[in-house]
Amino acid sequence: MKSIKYIVLAVALFLQQGCNDDILTQTPDHVISESLVVNSVEKLESLLNGSYNEISKGSYLGRILYKRAAVKGTDFRFVKTTYNPRDYEQTEYRYEESSNNNGGAQNMWLQCFKAIGNLNLILDNIETAEGNNGDKQQIKAQALALRGMTYFDLTRTFAYPWIKEGASAQGLPLNLSSTEIITERSTLGDTYNQIILDLTSSLTIINDNTWEQGSTKYITKTGIEALLARIYLYKQDWENALLFSTNVLAVRSESDLMNVDSYVFDDYTSESLFEISITGDNSVGSNGLSAQFDFRDGGQGDVIATQTFVDLLQTYQGDPRAALLLEDKEGTNMAFVKYINRSGGAGLSIHNIPVIRLSEIYLIAAEACANGATGGDAQAIIYLNTLINKRTTNYNVDKATEVGTALKTRIAEERRRELALEGHGIYDYIRTGIDINRPESDHVNTGININNLNILATSAKTIYPIPASEIEASQMQQTEGY
């Protein structure tokens, strides 16, 4: 086995250096010694809090993953070049990735493995740490779930989707220890098995939800089941996707869905299953999500909706999602402003980041049934229409009645409306094998090469390459196609 310099850099800093105070802050960038990290439950809990913070960074959920998912799909574009959007951020939009010119790939790779390194340190030491055993089990449960989630996001970003070659495809190196580093890439089947093992192991020991306001800023039992539903959907295991969806729907139901008159992305809405808490302390300001899509109050507003997406949002009568379209840099109303800086906040991106919501669970259940899970098309329509009923003022006109392929298309369209800017866009195309076809009229004078408007779902350019720095440091096998 060979050492991955970049993956273990953060952990190495923890282990090699000391600090003046016997305290671990919530920011894992703080340099501490191994003995101070691992000798008590209290300190491992602080490291866990720091891991949540690492996940919130702009190089992971705080910007790169969600923005990349949007601009590589059909529904968002950069503003016209007359407004000088930042060129280096357009690599993904233009489908110009390479191992040396990869947009946000290197930053996301390093950030995710930094978080995984912290979580491994917790898992390696939690059982022997001093403290209450009940607290130990809850820390362990959260660390396992977060590691599984982070590996899943890495997998769907840096590996081909299950639909292409199934379990035999290239997966990722599985680093599951703070002392032993793996550089060989596992198969996609083994990678998914480990992700699912982490989450199901967590599920067996985590406490039941309390549903107190703000409780979903931590991963909970229902949040874990929701993530498992998503993961099984990507794996095309329709029965398990439905199983975990119905587990969630057993405790959160139609009455918890936002309605046409309450569709606002405040912190901890009734739909919240897991969201990342952002405060003035961990906000990335102008590099955060809201600033990418909203140019008010100093935001960049470089990414706006395409006409294709605007038309889709205006299909239903009274759809509250269409009301999220506001004035953009070009003077039209195509800025899709889902994330709004918290009132009174001292930054452009002080707003929580939704990881998974109840709406997505209804859509997962619908898609699973439409693909053959128990209940078939009839049950799929029920799940889908439960959500549509909350997104229109004329349900009798807008409700779904399709079956077969048309029903799957309708579900995909509803995912585009409902889950826009929540990290799905491009992933929904490639995981279902649907090519990305972007009308030229949507992308005039935006800097994109006309030859990169239409992309095959199986193209290497739909996923990130392993960064060249990682290949050089570890001799890891590069992704096929790069």
Protein backbone atom coordinates (compact mmCIF):
# COMPACT_ATOMS: atom_id res chain seq x y z
CA MET A 1 0.00 0.00 0.00
CA LYS A 2 1.16 3.47 -0.81
CA SER A 3 0.64 6.64 1.15
CA ILE A 4 -1.80 9.19 -0.26
CA LYS A 5 -0.16 12.46 0.65
CA TYR A 6 -3.17 14.63 0.08
CA ILE A 7 -5.78 12.41 1.65
CA VAL A 8 -3.92 12.10 4.91
CA LEU A 9 -2.55 15.62 5.09
CA ALA A 10 -5.19 16.88 7.52
CA VAL A 11 -4.92 13.86 9.76
CA ALA A 12 -1.12 14.03 9.70
CA LEU A 13 -1.29 17.61 10.91
CA PHE A 14 -3.47 16.46 13.79
CA LEU A 15 -1.06 13.76 14.80
CA GLN A 16 2.26 15.51 14.35
CA GLN A 17 1.73 18.86 16.06
CA GLY A 18 0.44 20.20 19.35
CA CYS A 19 -1.44 23.27 20.51
CA ASN A 20 -1.37 25.48 23.55
CA ASP A 21 -4.84 24.61 24.86
CA ASP A 22 -6.18 21.22 25.81
CA ILE A 23 -9.28 22.01 23.74
CA LEU A 24 -10.49 20.85 20.31
CA THR A 25 -12.47 23.59 18.62
CA GLN A 26 -15.23 22.88 16.11
CA THR A 27 -12.87 23.83 13.32
CA PRO A 28 -10.76 20.79 12.41
CA ASP A 29 -8.14 23.03 10.78
CA HIS A 30 -6.98 23.68 14.35
CA VAL A 31 -3.76 21.74 14.89
CA ILE A 32 -3.74 19.37 17.86
CA SER A 33 -1.90 16.30 19.06
CA GLU A 34 -3.30 12.78 18.85
CA SER A 35 -3.44 12.36 22.62
CA LEU A 36 -5.65 15.43 22.98
CA VAL A 37 -8.05 14.18 20.30
CA VAL A 38 -8.70 10.64 21.39
CA ASN A 39 -8.61 10.43 25.16
CA SER A 40 -12.16 11.49 26.01
CA VAL A 41 -15.69 11.39 24.65
CA GLU A 42 -15.94 15.15 25.06
CA LYS A 43 -13.01 15.79 22.74
CA LEU A 44 -14.15 13.24 20.19
CA GLU A 45 -17.55 14.92 20.19
CA SER A 46 -15.81 18.21 19.45
CA LEU A 47 -14.02 16.53 16.56
CA LEU A 48 -17.40 15.27 15.34
CA ASN A 49 -18.77 18.81 15.43
CA GLY A 50 -15.71 19.88 13.49
CA SER A 51 -16.48 17.20 10.90
CA TYR A 52 -19.93 18.69 10.35
CA ASN A 53 -18.13 21.97 9.79
CA GLU A 54 -15.78 20.41 7.22
CA ILE A 55 -18.77 19.07 5.30
CA SER A 56 -20.22 22.60 5.19
CA LYS A 57 -17.14 24.10 3.51
CA GLY A 58 -17.42 25.68 0.08
CA SER A 59 -15.23 22.93 -1.34
CA TYR A 60 -17.92 20.34 -0.53
CA LEU A 61 -21.61 20.92 0.22
CA GLY A 62 -21.19 24.65 0.78
CA ARG A 63 -20.70 25.31 -2.94
CA ILE A 64 -18.85 22.93 -5.27
CA LEU A 65 -21.11 19.87 -5.28
CA TYR A 66 -24.39 21.78 -5.57
CA LYS A 67 -23.12 24.31 -8.09
CA ARG A 68 -21.48 21.64 -10.26
CA ALA A 69 -24.69 19.59 -10.26
CA ALA A 70 -26.58 22.65 -11.52
CA VAL A 71 -24.34 23.98 -14.28
CA LYS A 72 -23.62 20.62 -15.91
CA GLY A 73 -27.32 19.93 -16.38
CA THR A 74 -30.01 21.51 -18.52
CA ASP A 75 -31.55 24.02 -16.17
CA PHE A 76 -28.82 26.53 -15.33
CA ARG A 77 -26.18 28.52 -17.17
CA PHE A 78 -23.58 31.15 -16.52
CA VAL A 79 -24.51 34.74 -17.31
CA LYS A 80 -23.47 36.19 -20.63
CA THR A 81 -19.76 36.86 -21.02
CA THR A 82 -20.35 40.62 -21.02
CA TYR A 83 -20.76 40.30 -17.26
CA ASN A 84 -17.34 38.66 -16.82
CA PRO A 85 -18.15 35.53 -14.83
CA ARG A 86 -15.11 33.92 -13.27
CA ASP A 87 -13.56 31.84 -16.04
CA TYR A 88 -12.01 29.17 -13.81
CA GLU A 89 -15.43 28.21 -12.47
CA GLN A 90 -16.85 27.50 -15.92
CA THR A 91 -14.79 24.35 -16.49
CA GLU A 92 -17.65 22.07 -15.45
CA TYR A 93 -20.28 24.08 -17.34
CA ARG A 94 -18.22 23.85 -20.51
CA TYR A 95 -17.43 20.14 -20.04
CA GLU A 96 -13.71 20.85 -20.28
CA GLU A 97 -12.48 18.73 -17.35
CA SER A 98 -9.11 17.05 -17.44
CA SER A 99 -6.88 15.68 -14.69
CA ASN A 100 -4.90 18.94 -14.69
CA ASN A 101 -7.78 21.34 -15.39
CA ASN A 102 -10.66 20.02 -13.36
CA GLY A 103 -12.61 22.93 -11.97
CA GLY A 104 -13.45 22.09 -8.35
CA ALA A 105 -12.43 18.41 -8.48
CA GLN A 106 -9.21 18.72 -6.51
CA ASN A 107 -10.75 20.90 -3.82
CA MET A 108 -13.71 18.58 -3.35
CA TRP A 109 -11.50 15.46 -3.32
CA LEU A 110 -9.25 16.91 -0.62
CA GLN A 111 -12.10 18.28 1.46
CA CYS A 112 -14.08 15.04 1.46
CA PHE A 113 -11.08 12.95 2.42
CA LYS A 114 -10.18 15.47 5.09
CA ALA A 115 -13.63 14.95 6.61
CA ILE A 116 -13.27 11.17 6.24
CA GLY A 117 -9.88 11.33 8.00
CA ASN A 118 -11.46 13.10 10.97
CA LEU A 119 -14.31 10.59 11.08
CA ASN A 120 -11.88 7.65 10.94
CA LEU A 121 -9.99 9.10 13.89
CA ILE A 122 -13.24 9.20 15.86
CA LEU A 123 -14.22 5.65 14.91
CA ASP A 124 -10.79 4.23 15.73
CA ASN A 125 -10.81 5.68 19.24
CA ILE A 126 -14.39 6.05 20.41
CA GLU A 127 -14.67 2.68 22.15
CA THR A 128 -11.58 3.24 24.33
CA ALA A 129 -12.19 6.91 25.11
CA GLU A 130 -13.16 7.92 28.63
CA GLY A 131 -16.79 8.85 29.06
CA ASN A 132 -20.41 7.75 29.05
CA ASN A 133 -21.07 4.67 26.89
CA GLY A 134 -24.39 6.02 25.64
CA ASP A 135 -22.69 9.17 24.40
CA LYS A 136 -20.02 7.02 22.74
CA GLN A 137 -22.61 5.11 20.74
CA GLN A 138 -24.29 8.28 19.50
CA ILE A 139 -20.96 9.78 18.42
CA LYS A 140 -20.07 6.52 16.71
CA ALA A 141 -23.43 6.38 14.93
CA GLN A 142 -23.10 9.91 13.57
CA ALA A 143 -19.48 9.37 12.48
CA LEU A 144 -20.42 6.20 10.58
CA ALA A 145 -23.37 7.89 8.88
CA LEU A 146 -21.35 10.96 7.88
CA ARG A 147 -18.54 8.79 6.51
CA GLY A 148 -21.03 6.81 4.45
CA MET A 149 -22.66 9.99 3.13
CA THR A 150 -19.32 11.58 2.24
CA TYR A 151 -18.15 8.45 0.43
CA PHE A 152 -21.43 8.37 -1.47
CA ASP A 153 -20.98 11.97 -2.64
CA LEU A 154 -17.42 11.16 -3.69
CA THR A 155 -18.61 8.06 -5.53
CA ARG A 156 -21.38 9.72 -7.51
CA THR A 157 -18.97 12.51 -8.44
CA PHE A 158 -15.74 10.63 -9.22
CA ALA A 159 -17.05 7.23 -10.42
CA TYR A 160 -19.37 6.22 -13.23
CA PRO A 161 -22.99 5.57 -12.22
CA TRP A 162 -24.29 2.10 -11.43
CA ILE A 163 -26.35 2.00 -14.62
CA LYS A 164 -23.24 1.97 -16.82
CA GLU A 165 -21.34 -1.14 -15.69
CA GLY A 166 -22.89 -2.08 -12.37
CA ALA A 167 -20.84 -3.56 -9.54
CA SER A 168 -17.79 -4.29 -11.72
CA ALA A 169 -17.08 -0.63 -12.53
CA GLN A 170 -14.28 1.39 -10.91
CA GLY A 171 -15.04 2.49 -7.38
CA LEU A 172 -12.96 4.49 -4.94
CA PRO A 173 -10.14 3.69 -2.51
CA LEU A 174 -11.77 2.76 0.78
CA ASN A 175 -9.87 4.41 3.60
CA LEU A 176 -11.51 3.20 6.79
CA SER A 177 -8.71 3.67 9.31
CA SER A 178 -6.70 6.58 10.63
CA THR A 179 -3.53 4.47 10.61
CA GLU A 180 -3.71 2.50 7.37
CA ILE A 181 -4.06 4.15 3.96
CA ILE A 182 -5.49 2.40 0.90
CA THR A 183 -4.70 3.67 -2.60
CA GLU A 184 -6.05 0.84 -4.73
CA ARG A 185 -9.48 1.58 -6.13
CA SER A 186 -12.15 -0.90 -5.13
CA THR A 187 -14.96 -1.95 -7.45
CA LEU A 188 -18.12 0.12 -7.51
CA GLY A 189 -19.93 -2.80 -5.90
CA ASP A 190 -17.50 -2.89 -2.97
CA THR A 191 -17.70 0.89 -2.63
CA TYR A 192 -21.49 0.84 -2.42
CA ASN A 193 -21.38 -2.10 -0.01
CA GLN A 194 -19.16 -0.11 2.35
CA ILE A 195 -21.34 3.00 2.08
CA ILE A 196 -24.43 0.96 2.90
CA LEU A 197 -22.64 -0.87 5.71
CA ASP A 198 -21.65 2.42 7.34
CA LEU A 199 -25.20 3.73 7.23
CA THR A 200 -26.95 0.53 8.27
CA SER A 201 -24.46 0.03 11.12
CA SER A 202 -25.21 3.56 12.25
CA LEU A 203 -28.93 2.85 12.07
CA THR A 204 -28.67 0.02 14.59
CA ILE A 205 -27.25 2.20 17.36
CA ILE A 206 -28.56 5.72 16.83
CA ASN A 207 -31.37 7.00 19.04
CA ASP A 208 -34.85 7.74 17.74
CA ASN A 209 -35.58 11.26 16.51
CA THR A 210 -36.82 13.90 18.89
CA TRP A 211 -38.09 16.26 16.15
CA GLU A 212 -37.28 19.27 18.28
CA GLN A 213 -36.74 22.44 16.27
CA GLY A 214 -33.16 22.37 14.98
CA SER A 215 -32.56 18.70 15.75
CA THR A 216 -32.01 17.90 12.06
CA LYS A 217 -28.77 19.86 11.98
CA TYR A 218 -27.33 16.54 13.13
CA ILE A 219 -27.74 13.26 11.31
CA THR A 220 -30.68 11.39 12.86
CA LYS A 221 -32.29 7.98 12.49
CA THR A 222 -34.79 9.28 9.94
CA GLY A 223 -32.05 11.22 8.15
CA ILE A 224 -30.02 8.02 7.81
CA GLU A 225 -33.01 6.11 6.42
CA ALA A 226 -33.60 8.95 3.95
CA LEU A 227 -29.99 8.80 2.77
CA LEU A 228 -30.25 5.03 2.37
CA ALA A 229 -33.33 5.52 0.19
CA ARG A 230 -31.31 7.89 -2.00
CA ILE A 231 -28.32 5.55 -2.19
CA TYR A 232 -30.42 2.52 -3.13
CA LEU A 233 -32.10 4.65 -5.82
CA TYR A 234 -28.68 5.36 -7.36
CA LYS A 235 -27.87 1.65 -7.09
CA GLN A 236 -31.17 0.87 -8.84
CA ASP A 237 -32.22 -1.39 -5.99
CA TRP A 238 -35.83 -0.32 -6.27
CA GLU A 239 -37.29 -2.42 -3.45
CA ASN A 240 -34.79 -1.17 -0.87
CA ALA A 241 -35.21 2.41 -2.12
CA LEU A 242 -38.94 2.02 -1.50
CA LEU A 243 -38.41 0.27 1.84
CA PHE A 244 -36.36 3.07 3.34
CA SER A 245 -38.64 5.70 1.81
CA THR A 246 -41.66 4.14 3.50
CA ASN A 247 -39.73 3.98 6.77
CA VAL A 248 -39.33 7.75 6.54
CA LEU A 249 -42.95 8.26 5.51
CA ALA A 250 -44.07 6.29 8.55
CA VAL A 251 -42.86 9.14 10.76
CA ARG A 252 -43.09 12.14 8.40
CA SER A 253 -46.13 12.47 6.18
CA GLU A 254 -48.07 14.60 3.74
CA SER A 255 -48.96 17.07 6.48
CA ASP A 256 -45.24 17.88 6.87
CA LEU A 257 -44.82 18.96 3.23
CA MET A 258 -44.56 22.67 2.55
CA ASN A 259 -47.60 24.07 0.71
CA VAL A 260 -48.09 26.66 -2.02
CA ASP A 261 -48.36 29.38 0.58
CA SER A 262 -45.53 28.16 2.84
CA TYR A 263 -42.79 27.26 0.37
CA VAL A 264 -39.90 29.16 1.97
CA PHE A 265 -36.42 27.81 2.63
CA ASP A 266 -36.11 28.93 6.21
CA ASP A 267 -33.96 26.98 8.64
CA TYR A 268 -35.48 23.66 9.74
CA THR A 269 -38.67 23.68 7.71
CA SER A 270 -41.28 21.00 8.27
CA GLU A 271 -39.63 19.01 5.47
CA SER A 272 -36.16 18.96 7.01
CA LEU A 273 -34.66 15.49 7.43
CA PHE A 274 -31.01 16.59 7.55
CA GLU A 275 -29.49 20.00 6.89
CA ILE A 276 -26.13 21.57 7.55
CA SER A 277 -26.22 24.46 10.01
CA ILE A 278 -24.53 27.63 8.78
CA THR A 279 -23.78 30.51 11.14
CA GLY A 280 -21.61 33.58 10.96
CA ASP A 281 -18.74 31.43 12.19
CA ASN A 282 -18.74 28.88 9.36
CA SER A 283 -20.33 30.84 6.50
CA VAL A 284 -18.09 31.10 3.44
CA GLY A 285 -19.64 34.44 2.52
CA SER A 286 -19.41 35.35 -1.15
CA ASN A 287 -18.20 31.83 -1.94
CA GLY A 288 -21.36 30.23 -0.54
CA LEU A 289 -24.44 28.96 -2.32
CA SER A 290 -26.75 31.96 -2.16
CA ALA A 291 -24.08 34.28 -3.54
CA GLN A 292 -23.65 32.07 -6.61
CA PHE A 293 -27.24 32.58 -7.76
CA ASP A 294 -28.25 35.95 -6.28
CA PHE A 295 -26.48 39.18 -7.22
CA ARG A 296 -28.28 41.34 -4.67
CA ASP A 297 -26.40 42.68 -1.66
CA GLY A 298 -23.02 41.99 -3.26
CA GLY A 299 -23.71 38.44 -4.42
CA GLN A 300 -22.05 37.16 -7.57
CA GLY A 301 -25.22 35.95 -9.28
CA ASP A 302 -23.17 34.34 -12.07
CA VAL A 303 -25.48 31.34 -12.51
CA ILE A 304 -29.08 31.81 -13.63
CA ALA A 305 -31.91 29.63 -14.91
CA THR A 306 -32.20 28.65 -18.56
CA GLN A 307 -35.37 29.45 -20.48
CA THR A 308 -35.98 25.70 -20.58
CA PHE A 309 -36.14 25.61 -16.78
CA VAL A 310 -38.22 28.78 -16.53
CA ASP A 311 -40.79 27.22 -18.86
CA LEU A 312 -40.82 24.04 -16.75
CA LEU A 313 -41.42 26.04 -13.56
CA GLN A 314 -44.37 27.82 -15.15
CA THR A 315 -46.25 24.64 -16.10
CA TYR A 316 -48.43 24.44 -12.97
CA GLN A 317 -50.84 27.10 -11.87
CA GLY A 318 -49.65 28.94 -8.76
CA ASP A 319 -46.44 26.90 -8.45
CA PRO A 320 -44.48 28.44 -5.55
CA ARG A 321 -41.19 27.33 -7.12
CA ALA A 322 -41.75 29.74 -10.01
CA ALA A 323 -41.95 32.52 -7.43
CA LEU A 324 -38.27 31.90 -6.62
CA LEU A 325 -37.35 33.51 -9.96
CA LEU A 326 -36.09 37.04 -9.32
CA GLU A 327 -34.21 39.71 -11.25
CA ASP A 328 -30.79 38.64 -12.51
CA LYS A 329 -27.63 40.36 -13.70
CA GLU A 330 -28.90 40.49 -17.27
CA GLY A 331 -32.02 42.40 -16.29
CA THR A 332 -34.46 39.53 -16.71
CA ASN A 333 -36.18 37.43 -14.03
CA MET A 334 -34.14 34.24 -14.30
CA ALA A 335 -32.18 34.27 -11.06
CA PHE A 336 -33.42 31.22 -9.15
CA VAL A 337 -33.03 32.38 -5.55
CA LYS A 338 -33.66 29.39 -3.31
CA TYR A 339 -31.17 30.30 -0.61
CA ILE A 340 -31.58 33.67 1.07
CA ASN A 341 -29.15 35.17 3.53
CA ARG A 342 -30.65 34.88 7.01
CA SER A 343 -32.20 38.14 8.13
CA GLY A 344 -29.71 40.16 10.10
CA GLY A 345 -26.81 37.93 9.11
CA ALA A 346 -23.44 39.48 8.43
CA GLY A 347 -22.66 37.63 5.22
CA LEU A 348 -23.96 36.66 1.81
CA SER A 349 -24.42 32.97 2.54
CA ILE A 350 -25.67 32.62 6.10
CA HIS A 351 -28.36 30.07 5.43
CA ASN A 352 -28.61 26.37 6.20
CA ILE A 353 -27.84 23.83 3.47
CA PRO A 354 -30.51 21.17 2.94
CA VAL A 355 -28.96 17.71 2.56
CA ILE A 356 -32.20 15.77 2.19
CA ARG A 357 -35.86 16.78 2.53
CA LEU A 358 -39.21 15.03 2.73
CA SER A 359 -40.10 16.07 -0.83
CA GLU A 360 -37.22 13.98 -2.14
CA ILE A 361 -38.50 10.92 -0.29
CA TYR A 362 -41.88 11.11 -2.04
CA LEU A 363 -40.06 11.37 -5.36
CA ILE A 364 -37.74 8.46 -4.55
CA ALA A 365 -40.73 6.30 -3.62
CA ALA A 366 -42.50 7.29 -6.84
CA GLU A 367 -39.46 6.50 -8.99
CA ALA A 368 -38.86 3.17 -7.27
CA CYS A 369 -42.45 2.07 -7.86
CA ALA A 370 -42.39 3.29 -11.46
CA ASN A 371 -39.34 1.07 -11.99
CA GLY A 372 -41.01 -2.06 -10.66
CA ALA A 373 -40.99 -1.85 -6.87
CA THR A 374 -44.08 -3.04 -5.00
CA GLY A 375 -47.15 -1.07 -6.04
CA GLY A 376 -46.01 -0.31 -9.57
CA ASP A 377 -47.29 2.66 -11.55
CA ALA A 378 -50.49 2.98 -9.53
CA GLN A 379 -48.59 3.54 -6.28
CA ALA A 380 -46.00 5.71 -8.04
CA ILE A 381 -48.76 8.07 -9.14
CA ILE A 382 -50.04 8.32 -5.58
CA TYR A 383 -46.62 9.31 -4.24
CA LEU A 384 -46.04 11.77 -7.07
CA ASN A 385 -49.45 13.39 -6.81
CA THR A 386 -49.09 13.79 -3.06
CA LEU A 387 -46.26 16.21 -3.78
CA ILE A 388 -47.86 17.84 -6.85
CA ASN A 389 -50.96 18.62 -4.79
CA LYS A 390 -48.74 20.80 -2.59
CA ARG A 391 -47.23 22.64 -5.57
CA THR A 392 -50.26 23.79 -7.55
CA THR A 393 -53.44 25.77 -7.05
CA ASN A 394 -55.24 23.67 -9.67
CA TYR A 395 -54.58 20.06 -8.79
CA ASN A 396 -57.27 18.62 -11.08
CA VAL A 397 -55.51 20.09 -14.10
CA ASP A 398 -51.89 19.52 -13.03
CA LYS A 399 -52.05 16.06 -11.41
CA ALA A 400 -50.11 13.16 -12.93
CA THR A 401 -52.01 10.49 -14.87
CA GLU A 402 -49.20 9.04 -16.99
CA VAL A 403 -48.00 5.45 -16.93
CA GLY A 404 -44.92 3.60 -18.16
CA THR A 405 -42.10 5.64 -19.68
CA ALA A 406 -44.19 8.81 -19.63
CA LEU A 407 -44.61 8.45 -15.87
CA LYS A 408 -40.84 8.12 -15.36
CA THR A 409 -40.37 11.27 -17.45
CA ARG A 410 -42.94 13.08 -15.33
CA ILE A 411 -41.16 12.06 -12.13
CA ALA A 412 -37.84 13.27 -13.55
CA GLU A 413 -39.40 16.63 -14.41
CA GLU A 414 -40.77 16.94 -10.90
CA ARG A 415 -37.32 16.25 -9.47
CA ARG A 416 -35.95 19.08 -11.61
CA ARG A 417 -38.55 21.50 -10.26
CA GLU A 418 -38.43 20.43 -6.64
CA LEU A 419 -34.77 19.59 -6.08
CA ALA A 420 -33.10 22.32 -8.15
CA LEU A 421 -29.88 23.61 -6.54
CA GLU A 422 -29.92 20.78 -3.97
CA GLY A 423 -27.16 18.72 -5.57
CA HIS A 424 -29.07 16.59 -8.07
CA GLY A 425 -29.10 18.16 -11.58
CA ILE A 426 -26.41 16.34 -13.56
CA TYR A 427 -26.52 13.29 -11.30
CA ASP A 428 -30.16 12.58 -12.18
CA TYR A 429 -29.26 12.48 -15.86
CA ILE A 430 -26.26 10.20 -15.64
CA ARG A 431 -27.66 7.79 -12.99
CA THR A 432 -30.68 7.15 -15.26
CA GLY A 433 -28.66 7.04 -18.50
CA ILE A 434 -30.38 10.07 -20.05
CA ASP A 435 -28.20 12.20 -22.31
CA ILE A 436 -27.76 15.90 -21.50
CA ASN A 437 -29.24 17.92 -24.37
CA ARG A 438 -28.92 21.67 -23.95
CA PRO A 439 -30.62 23.92 -26.54
CA GLU A 440 -28.24 26.38 -28.15
CA SER A 441 -30.80 29.15 -27.57
CA ASP A 442 -30.34 28.69 -23.81
CA HIS A 443 -26.59 29.33 -23.93
CA VAL A 444 -25.96 32.16 -26.39
CA ASN A 445 -22.85 34.24 -25.57
CA THR A 446 -22.13 32.38 -22.33
CA GLY A 447 -18.64 31.20 -23.28
CA ILE A 448 -19.61 27.61 -23.93
CA ASN A 449 -18.39 25.72 -27.00
CA ILE A 450 -21.35 24.73 -29.16
CA ASN A 451 -19.86 21.24 -29.43
CA ASN A 452 -20.30 20.80 -25.67
CA LEU A 453 -24.02 21.51 -25.52
CA ASN A 454 -25.09 17.90 -25.98
CA ILE A 455 -23.32 15.29 -23.86
CA LEU A 456 -23.80 11.53 -23.69
CA ALA A 457 -24.77 10.30 -20.23
CA THR A 458 -21.91 7.78 -20.48
CA SER A 459 -19.27 10.40 -21.31
CA ALA A 460 -16.25 10.66 -19.03
CA LYS A 461 -16.86 14.41 -18.86
CA THR A 462 -19.99 13.86 -16.76
CA ILE A 463 -17.79 12.85 -13.82
CA TYR A 464 -14.71 14.37 -12.25
CA PRO A 465 -11.27 12.88 -12.96
CA ILE A 466 -9.07 11.95 -10.04
CA PRO A 467 -6.91 15.08 -9.60
CA ALA A 468 -3.44 14.85 -11.18
CA SER A 469 -1.87 15.77 -7.84
CA GLU A 470 -3.43 12.66 -6.30
CA ILE A 471 -2.32 10.42 -9.16
CA GLU A 472 1.24 11.72 -8.82
CA ALA A 473 1.30 11.33 -5.04
CA SER A 474 -0.16 7.84 -4.83
CA GLN A 475 0.02 6.32 -8.33
CA MET A 476 -3.70 5.71 -8.01
CA GLN A 477 -5.39 4.45 -11.16
CA GLN A 478 -7.00 7.26 -13.12
CA THR A 479 -10.63 6.98 -14.12
CA GLU A 480 -11.23 5.23 -17.43
CA GLY A 481 -11.80 7.79 -20.16
CA TYR A 482 -9.28 10.30 -18.76
